[in-house]
């Protein structure tokens, strides 16, 4: 995951034209006097890090899940030259602070790479059972819904019905950049480009794909057992 170097704000500011050309996925954008890096549009190609190492570095931390979409976007005010702070993140929902959590996964289109990472949560290394997490087959038995993919138009109604079949209280985790922003499919007319276009999302886990540890952090954030570390696109 790329991140501007705090100590090199001037270099990041000067490099913006080059970064716009380097990025194949449109993660870097400039509009309305603001230059931004949307981590949910990044495909992890590393071209920005290799092309402008004096301005951008790679962050390999796993605590990247957030409870609001805007915390995945780093913004620079082009007039003032400083990074914009969105303020403190909201607290997780208290009704989902459960000792155990049963979740159902829905693959709503896309490449399937995030599904492969979710499948690794139950192996001996990640061992999601130690946190009380388990997969269930029916949404009627689920406390949470993990959704991958950019939500194709053919899957939108199935996703909505799955969510409506879940008992209260219930939570939704958007897993991977495709589920958050549409990813590489964002400009396609056949996708809705985001789970939150169909159902409310409680936690966003960025990555293309996110590592199993990052998905676990998202589930722990949902259940109130870990705090949000990524605010305004920067780890704190």
C-alpha atoms as a PDB file:
ATOM      1  CA  UNK A   1       0.000   0.000   0.000  1.00  0.00           C
ATOM      2  CA  UNK A   2       1.600   3.321  -1.031  1.00  0.00           C
ATOM      3  CA  UNK A   3       1.801   6.284   1.314  1.00  0.00           C
ATOM      4  CA  UNK A   4       3.305   9.781   0.956  1.00  0.00           C
ATOM      5  CA  UNK A   5       6.282  10.362   3.204  1.00  0.00           C
ATOM      6  CA  UNK A   6       5.359  12.885   5.916  1.00  0.00           C
ATOM      7  CA  UNK A   7       8.899  14.221   6.030  1.00  0.00           C
ATOM      8  CA  UNK A   8       8.853  14.752   2.255  1.00  0.00           C
ATOM      9  CA  UNK A   9       5.591  16.660   1.818  1.00  0.00           C
ATOM     10  CA  UNK A  10       7.272  19.068  -0.594  1.00  0.00           C
ATOM     11  CA  UNK A  11       8.553  16.198  -2.766  1.00  0.00           C
ATOM     12  CA  UNK A  12       5.104  14.582  -2.816  1.00  0.00           C
ATOM     13  CA  UNK A  13       3.602  17.920  -3.823  1.00  0.00           C
ATOM     14  CA  UNK A  14       6.107  18.390  -6.665  1.00  0.00           C
ATOM     15  CA  UNK A  15       5.776  14.788  -7.866  1.00  0.00           C
ATOM     16  CA  UNK A  16       2.020  14.881  -8.372  1.00  0.00           C
ATOM     17  CA  UNK A  17       2.079  15.309 -12.185  1.00  0.00           C
ATOM     18  CA  UNK A  18       4.405  12.319 -12.546  1.00  0.00           C
ATOM     19  CA  UNK A  19       2.339  10.229 -10.123  1.00  0.00           C
ATOM     20  CA  UNK A  20      -0.816  10.936 -12.119  1.00  0.00           C
ATOM     21  CA  UNK A  21       0.881   9.538 -15.223  1.00  0.00           C
ATOM     22  CA  UNK A  22       2.410   6.538 -13.446  1.00  0.00           C
ATOM     23  CA  UNK A  23      -0.758   5.176 -11.826  1.00  0.00           C
ATOM     24  CA  UNK A  24      -2.674   2.717 -14.059  1.00  0.00           C
ATOM     25  CA  UNK A  25      -5.766   2.564 -11.835  1.00  0.00           C
ATOM     26  CA  UNK A  26      -6.552   6.229 -11.173  1.00  0.00           C
ATOM     27  CA  UNK A  27      -5.660   6.056  -7.482  1.00  0.00           C
ATOM     28  CA  UNK A  28      -4.009   9.484  -7.774  1.00  0.00           C
ATOM     29  CA  UNK A  29      -6.379  12.302  -8.705  1.00  0.00           C
ATOM     30  CA  UNK A  30      -6.363  16.076  -8.756  1.00  0.00           C
ATOM     31  CA  UNK A  31      -9.607  18.031  -8.590  1.00  0.00           C
ATOM     32  CA  UNK A  32     -11.007  21.103  -6.877  1.00  0.00           C
ATOM     33  CA  UNK A  33      -7.623  22.280  -5.620  1.00  0.00           C
ATOM     34  CA  UNK A  34      -7.006  18.950  -3.868  1.00  0.00           C
ATOM     35  CA  UNK A  35      -4.530  16.227  -4.856  1.00  0.00           C
ATOM     36  CA  UNK A  36      -5.498  12.843  -3.466  1.00  0.00           C
ATOM     37  CA  UNK A  37      -4.403   9.232  -3.238  1.00  0.00           C
ATOM     38  CA  UNK A  38      -7.307   6.803  -2.875  1.00  0.00           C
ATOM     39  CA  UNK A  39      -5.964   3.622  -1.305  1.00  0.00           C
ATOM     40  CA  UNK A  40      -9.134   1.790  -2.342  1.00  0.00           C
ATOM     41  CA  UNK A  41      -8.285   2.357  -6.024  1.00  0.00           C
ATOM     42  CA  UNK A  42      -4.673   1.165  -5.707  1.00  0.00           C
ATOM     43  CA  UNK A  43      -3.853  -2.172  -7.390  1.00  0.00           C
ATOM     44  CA  UNK A  44      -0.500  -2.547  -5.639  1.00  0.00           C
ATOM     45  CA  UNK A  45       1.593  -2.414  -8.805  1.00  0.00           C
ATOM     46  CA  UNK A  46       4.337  -0.419  -7.060  1.00  0.00           C
ATOM     47  CA  UNK A  47       4.974   1.926  -9.999  1.00  0.00           C
ATOM     48  CA  UNK A  48       4.615   5.035  -7.819  1.00  0.00           C
ATOM     49  CA  UNK A  49       7.033   3.681  -5.204  1.00  0.00           C
ATOM     50  CA  UNK A  50       9.610   2.692  -7.837  1.00  0.00           C
ATOM     51  CA  UNK A  51       9.131   5.826  -9.921  1.00  0.00           C
ATOM     52  CA  UNK A  52       9.208   8.422  -7.131  1.00  0.00           C
ATOM     53  CA  UNK A  53      10.797   6.798  -4.057  1.00  0.00           C
ATOM     54  CA  UNK A  54      11.653  10.229  -2.648  1.00  0.00           C
ATOM     55  CA  UNK A  55       7.939  11.046  -2.355  1.00  0.00           C
ATOM     56  CA  UNK A  56       6.103   7.738  -1.833  1.00  0.00           C
ATOM     57  CA  UNK A  57       6.890   4.695   0.294  1.00  0.00           C
ATOM     58  CA  UNK A  58       5.315   1.262   0.636  1.00  0.00           C
ATOM     59  CA  UNK A  59       3.498   0.492   3.892  1.00  0.00           C
ATOM     60  CA  UNK A  60       3.291  -3.189   4.873  1.00  0.00           C
ATOM     61  CA  UNK A  61       1.218  -2.936   8.050  1.00  0.00           C
ATOM     62  CA  UNK A  62      -1.930  -5.032   8.446  1.00  0.00           C
ATOM     63  CA  UNK A  63      -4.041  -2.659  10.603  1.00  0.00           C
ATOM     64  CA  UNK A  64      -5.635  -0.934   7.617  1.00  0.00           C
ATOM     65  CA  UNK A  65      -9.372  -1.584   8.150  1.00  0.00           C
ATOM     66  CA  UNK A  66     -11.510   1.536   8.635  1.00  0.00           C
ATOM     67  CA  UNK A  67     -15.089   2.335   9.597  1.00  0.00           C
ATOM     68  CA  UNK A  68     -15.544   5.204   7.130  1.00  0.00           C
ATOM     69  CA  UNK A  69     -14.676   5.380   3.462  1.00  0.00           C
ATOM     70  CA  UNK A  70     -12.923   8.775   3.589  1.00  0.00           C
ATOM     71  CA  UNK A  71     -10.187   7.398   5.854  1.00  0.00           C
ATOM     72  CA  UNK A  72      -8.815   5.508   2.842  1.00  0.00           C
ATOM     73  CA  UNK A  73      -8.079   8.754   0.995  1.00  0.00           C
ATOM     74  CA  UNK A  74      -4.979  10.912   1.534  1.00  0.00           C
ATOM     75  CA  UNK A  75      -5.677  14.515   0.548  1.00  0.00           C
ATOM     76  CA  UNK A  76      -3.288  17.415  -0.020  1.00  0.00           C
ATOM     77  CA  UNK A  77      -4.545  20.995  -0.165  1.00  0.00           C
ATOM     78  CA  UNK A  78      -2.742  22.428  -3.205  1.00  0.00           C
ATOM     79  CA  UNK A  79      -3.179  26.009  -1.988  1.00  0.00           C
ATOM     80  CA  UNK A  80      -1.892  25.484   1.546  1.00  0.00           C
ATOM     81  CA  UNK A  81       0.411  22.572   0.737  1.00  0.00           C
ATOM     82  CA  UNK A  82      -0.571  20.429   3.739  1.00  0.00           C
ATOM     83  CA  UNK A  83      -2.381  17.147   4.255  1.00  0.00           C
ATOM     84  CA  UNK A  84      -6.064  17.438   5.162  1.00  0.00           C
ATOM     85  CA  UNK A  85      -7.179  15.799   8.423  1.00  0.00           C
ATOM     86  CA  UNK A  86     -10.719  14.325   8.365  1.00  0.00           C
ATOM     87  CA  UNK A  87     -10.894  14.249  12.170  1.00  0.00           C
ATOM     88  CA  UNK A  88     -11.198  11.298  14.557  1.00  0.00           C
ATOM     89  CA  UNK A  89     -12.971   8.186  13.255  1.00  0.00           C
ATOM     90  CA  UNK A  90     -16.364   7.138  14.638  1.00  0.00           C
ATOM     91  CA  UNK A  91     -16.530   4.451  17.307  1.00  0.00           C
ATOM     92  CA  UNK A  92     -17.528   0.920  16.280  1.00  0.00           C
ATOM     93  CA  UNK A  93     -21.133  -0.107  16.901  1.00  0.00           C
ATOM     94  CA  UNK A  94     -21.524  -1.389  20.452  1.00  0.00           C
ATOM     95  CA  UNK A  95     -24.228  -3.957  19.594  1.00  0.00           C
ATOM     96  CA  UNK A  96     -21.700  -5.942  17.539  1.00  0.00           C
ATOM     97  CA  UNK A  97     -19.181  -6.288  20.371  1.00  0.00           C
ATOM     98  CA  UNK A  98     -19.615 -10.041  20.512  1.00  0.00           C
ATOM     99  CA  UNK A  99     -17.257 -12.706  21.934  1.00  0.00           C
ATOM    100  CA  UNK A 100     -17.960 -14.846  18.851  1.00  0.00           C
ATOM    101  CA  UNK A 101     -18.960 -13.898  15.312  1.00  0.00           C
ATOM    102  CA  UNK A 102     -20.553 -16.006  12.600  1.00  0.00           C
ATOM    103  CA  UNK A 103     -20.196 -14.617   9.092  1.00  0.00           C
ATOM    104  CA  UNK A 104     -21.468 -15.400   5.620  1.00  0.00           C
ATOM    105  CA  UNK A 105     -19.459 -14.499   2.526  1.00  0.00           C
ATOM    106  CA  UNK A 106     -20.937 -13.174  -0.703  1.00  0.00           C
ATOM    107  CA  UNK A 107     -18.805 -12.938  -3.844  1.00  0.00           C
ATOM    108  CA  UNK A 108     -20.436 -10.177  -5.868  1.00  0.00           C
ATOM    109  CA  UNK A 109     -18.412 -10.532  -9.066  1.00  0.00           C
ATOM    110  CA  UNK A 110     -14.812  -9.523  -9.685  1.00  0.00           C
ATOM    111  CA  UNK A 111     -11.599 -11.489  -9.959  1.00  0.00           C
ATOM    112  CA  UNK A 112     -11.991 -13.730  -6.904  1.00  0.00           C
ATOM    113  CA  UNK A 113      -8.651 -12.786  -5.369  1.00  0.00           C
ATOM    114  CA  UNK A 114     -10.208 -11.466  -2.149  1.00  0.00           C
ATOM    115  CA  UNK A 115     -12.213 -14.698  -1.845  1.00  0.00           C
ATOM    116  CA  UNK A 116      -8.943 -16.631  -1.937  1.00  0.00           C
ATOM    117  CA  UNK A 117      -7.637 -14.596   1.003  1.00  0.00           C
ATOM    118  CA  UNK A 118     -10.833 -15.120   3.017  1.00  0.00           C
ATOM    119  CA  UNK A 119     -10.446 -18.869   2.436  1.00  0.00           C
ATOM    120  CA  UNK A 120      -7.084 -18.688   4.230  1.00  0.00           C
ATOM    121  CA  UNK A 121      -8.594 -17.349   7.466  1.00  0.00           C
ATOM    122  CA  UNK A 122      -9.282 -20.862   8.725  1.00  0.00           C
ATOM    123  CA  UNK A 123      -5.844 -22.362   8.131  1.00  0.00           C
ATOM    124  CA  UNK A 124      -3.533 -23.182  11.085  1.00  0.00           C
ATOM    125  CA  UNK A 125      -1.466 -20.017  10.601  1.00  0.00           C
ATOM    126  CA  UNK A 126      -4.318 -17.475  10.643  1.00  0.00           C
ATOM    127  CA  UNK A 127      -6.649 -19.621  12.798  1.00  0.00           C
ATOM    128  CA  UNK A 128      -9.679 -17.331  12.929  1.00  0.00           C
ATOM    129  CA  UNK A 129     -11.290 -19.752  15.403  1.00  0.00           C
ATOM    130  CA  UNK A 130      -9.032 -18.430  18.187  1.00  0.00           C
ATOM    131  CA  UNK A 131     -10.977 -15.161  17.928  1.00  0.00           C
ATOM    132  CA  UNK A 132     -14.348 -16.900  17.856  1.00  0.00           C
ATOM    133  CA  UNK A 133     -14.931 -16.325  14.128  1.00  0.00           C
ATOM    134  CA  UNK A 134     -16.672 -18.962  12.026  1.00  0.00           C
ATOM    135  CA  UNK A 135     -18.241 -19.276   8.578  1.00  0.00           C
ATOM    136  CA  UNK A 136     -21.918 -20.178   8.262  1.00  0.00           C
ATOM    137  CA  UNK A 137     -23.823 -21.250   5.156  1.00  0.00           C
ATOM    138  CA  UNK A 138     -27.049 -19.360   5.788  1.00  0.00           C
ATOM    139  CA  UNK A 139     -27.439 -15.590   6.219  1.00  0.00           C
ATOM    140  CA  UNK A 140     -30.115 -16.359   8.830  1.00  0.00           C
ATOM    141  CA  UNK A 141     -27.361 -17.712  11.083  1.00  0.00           C
ATOM    142  CA  UNK A 142     -24.892 -14.876  10.390  1.00  0.00           C
ATOM    143  CA  UNK A 143     -23.909 -11.903  12.531  1.00  0.00           C
ATOM    144  CA  UNK A 144     -21.897 -10.340   9.717  1.00  0.00           C
ATOM    145  CA  UNK A 145     -21.637 -10.357   5.949  1.00  0.00           C
ATOM    146  CA  UNK A 146     -18.257 -10.331   4.190  1.00  0.00           C
ATOM    147  CA  UNK A 147     -18.629  -9.077   0.634  1.00  0.00           C
ATOM    148  CA  UNK A 148     -16.055  -9.206  -2.158  1.00  0.00           C
ATOM    149  CA  UNK A 149     -16.150  -7.978  -5.738  1.00  0.00           C
ATOM    150  CA  UNK A 150     -17.354  -4.733  -7.359  1.00  0.00           C
ATOM    151  CA  UNK A 151     -21.039  -5.808  -7.164  1.00  0.00           C
ATOM    152  CA  UNK A 152     -22.103  -6.647 -10.686  1.00  0.00           C
ATOM    153  CA  UNK A 153     -25.618  -5.628 -11.660  1.00  0.00           C
ATOM    154  CA  UNK A 154     -26.606  -9.293 -11.755  1.00  0.00           C
ATOM    155  CA  UNK A 155     -25.485  -9.742  -8.128  1.00  0.00           C
ATOM    156  CA  UNK A 156     -26.986  -6.578  -6.626  1.00  0.00           C
ATOM    157  CA  UNK A 157     -30.396  -8.076  -5.852  1.00  0.00           C
ATOM    158  CA  UNK A 158     -28.874 -11.281  -4.446  1.00  0.00           C
ATOM    159  CA  UNK A 159     -26.669  -9.203  -2.141  1.00  0.00           C
ATOM    160  CA  UNK A 160     -29.612  -7.105  -0.996  1.00  0.00           C
ATOM    161  CA  UNK A 161     -31.741 -10.167  -0.255  1.00  0.00           C
ATOM    162  CA  UNK A 162     -28.909 -11.835   1.635  1.00  0.00           C
ATOM    163  CA  UNK A 163     -28.515  -8.753   3.814  1.00  0.00           C
ATOM    164  CA  UNK A 164     -32.263  -8.535   4.468  1.00  0.00           C
ATOM    165  CA  UNK A 165     -32.352 -12.204   5.515  1.00  0.00           C
ATOM    166  CA  UNK A 166     -29.849 -11.613   8.333  1.00  0.00           C
ATOM    167  CA  UNK A 167     -31.145 -11.088  11.895  1.00  0.00           C
ATOM    168  CA  UNK A 168     -30.378  -7.915  13.847  1.00  0.00           C
ATOM    169  CA  UNK A 169     -27.863  -6.788  14.936  1.00  0.00           C
ATOM    170  CA  UNK A 170     -25.841  -7.340  11.782  1.00  0.00           C
ATOM    171  CA  UNK A 171     -22.700  -5.913  10.232  1.00  0.00           C
ATOM    172  CA  UNK A 172     -21.178  -5.714   6.761  1.00  0.00           C
ATOM    173  CA  UNK A 173     -17.484  -5.820   5.862  1.00  0.00           C
ATOM    174  CA  UNK A 174     -16.390  -4.777   2.362  1.00  0.00           C
ATOM    175  CA  UNK A 175     -13.295  -6.894   1.668  1.00  0.00           C
ATOM    176  CA  UNK A 176     -10.837  -5.657  -0.956  1.00  0.00           C
ATOM    177  CA  UNK A 177     -10.633  -2.653  -3.227  1.00  0.00           C
ATOM    178  CA  UNK A 178     -13.121  -4.104  -5.696  1.00  0.00           C
ATOM    179  CA  UNK A 179     -15.763  -4.215  -2.965  1.00  0.00           C
ATOM    180  CA  UNK A 180     -14.935  -0.693  -1.785  1.00  0.00           C
ATOM    181  CA  UNK A 181     -14.491   1.269  -5.012  1.00  0.00           C
ATOM    182  CA  UNK A 182     -14.979  -1.163  -7.891  1.00  0.00           C
ATOM    183  CA  UNK A 183     -11.215  -1.557  -8.289  1.00  0.00           C
ATOM    184  CA  UNK A 184     -10.141  -2.085 -11.883  1.00  0.00           C
ATOM    185  CA  UNK A 185     -13.815  -2.460 -12.839  1.00  0.00           C
ATOM    186  CA  UNK A 186     -14.841   0.927 -11.420  1.00  0.00           C
ATOM    187  CA  UNK A 187     -15.501   2.513 -14.822  1.00  0.00           C
ATOM    188  CA  UNK A 188     -17.522  -0.421 -16.160  1.00  0.00           C
ATOM    189  CA  UNK A 189     -21.243   0.041 -16.725  1.00  0.00           C
ATOM    190  CA  UNK A 190     -21.844  -3.532 -15.556  1.00  0.00           C
ATOM    191  CA  UNK A 191     -20.862  -2.925 -11.923  1.00  0.00           C
ATOM    192  CA  UNK A 192     -22.125  -0.635  -9.166  1.00  0.00           C
ATOM    193  CA  UNK A 193     -18.535   0.007  -7.978  1.00  0.00           C
ATOM    194  CA  UNK A 194     -18.992  -0.510  -4.276  1.00  0.00           C
ATOM    195  CA  UNK A 195     -20.874  -2.603  -1.739  1.00  0.00           C
ATOM    196  CA  UNK A 196     -22.170   0.543  -0.010  1.00  0.00           C
ATOM    197  CA  UNK A 197     -24.165   1.332  -3.144  1.00  0.00           C
ATOM    198  CA  UNK A 198     -26.419  -1.620  -2.202  1.00  0.00           C
ATOM    199  CA  UNK A 199     -26.168  -2.251   1.558  1.00  0.00           C
ATOM    200  CA  UNK A 200     -24.715  -0.217   4.464  1.00  0.00           C
ATOM    201  CA  UNK A 201     -21.070  -1.011   5.218  1.00  0.00           C
ATOM    202  CA  UNK A 202     -19.619  -0.997   8.738  1.00  0.00           C
ATOM    203  CA  UNK A 203     -15.965  -1.809   7.963  1.00  0.00           C
ATOM    204  CA  UNK A 204     -13.835  -1.366   4.843  1.00  0.00           C
ATOM    205  CA  UNK A 205     -10.739  -3.564   4.394  1.00  0.00           C
ATOM    206  CA  UNK A 206      -8.561  -2.158   1.567  1.00  0.00           C
ATOM    207  CA  UNK A 207      -6.110  -4.143  -0.519  1.00  0.00           C
ATOM    208  CA  UNK A 208      -5.908  -5.790  -3.910  1.00  0.00           C
ATOM    209  CA  UNK A 209      -6.236  -8.276  -2.362  1.00  0.00           C
ATOM    210  CA  UNK A 210      -6.048  -7.620   1.397  1.00  0.00           C
ATOM    211  CA  UNK A 211      -3.931 -10.084   3.328  1.00  0.00           C
ATOM    212  CA  UNK A 212      -5.686 -12.472   5.748  1.00  0.00           C
ATOM    213  CA  UNK A 213      -4.250 -10.524   8.692  1.00  0.00           C
ATOM    214  CA  UNK A 214      -5.868  -7.341   7.404  1.00  0.00           C
ATOM    215  CA  UNK A 215      -9.234  -9.115   7.088  1.00  0.00           C
ATOM    216  CA  UNK A 216      -8.887 -10.378  10.662  1.00  0.00           C
ATOM    217  CA  UNK A 217      -8.179  -6.812  11.764  1.00  0.00           C
ATOM    218  CA  UNK A 218     -11.399  -5.756  10.043  1.00  0.00           C
ATOM    219  CA  UNK A 219     -13.406  -8.394  11.912  1.00  0.00           C
ATOM    220  CA  UNK A 220     -11.769  -7.435  15.205  1.00  0.00           C
ATOM    221  CA  UNK A 221     -12.558  -3.785  14.485  1.00  0.00           C
ATOM    222  CA  UNK A 222     -16.177  -4.713  13.775  1.00  0.00           C
ATOM    223  CA  UNK A 223     -16.458  -6.496  17.124  1.00  0.00           C
ATOM    224  CA  UNK A 224     -14.759  -3.678  19.041  1.00  0.00           C
ATOM    225  CA  UNK A 225     -11.681  -5.685  19.997  1.00  0.00           C
ATOM    226  CA  UNK A 226      -9.215  -3.510  18.062  1.00  0.00           C
ATOM    227  CA  UNK A 227      -9.093   0.178  17.234  1.00  0.00           C
ATOM    228  CA  UNK A 228      -8.831   1.899  13.872  1.00  0.00           C
ATOM    229  CA  UNK A 229      -5.224   2.776  12.990  1.00  0.00           C
ATOM    230  CA  UNK A 230      -5.722   4.297   9.537  1.00  0.00           C
ATOM    231  CA  UNK A 231      -7.100   7.852   9.633  1.00  0.00           C
ATOM    232  CA  UNK A 232      -7.135  10.139   6.611  1.00  0.00           C
ATOM    233  CA  UNK A 233      -5.033   7.580   4.738  1.00  0.00           C
ATOM    234  CA  UNK A 234      -2.212   7.561   7.318  1.00  0.00           C
ATOM    235  CA  UNK A 235      -1.425   4.945   9.960  1.00  0.00           C
ATOM    236  CA  UNK A 236      -1.340   6.337  13.480  1.00  0.00           C
END
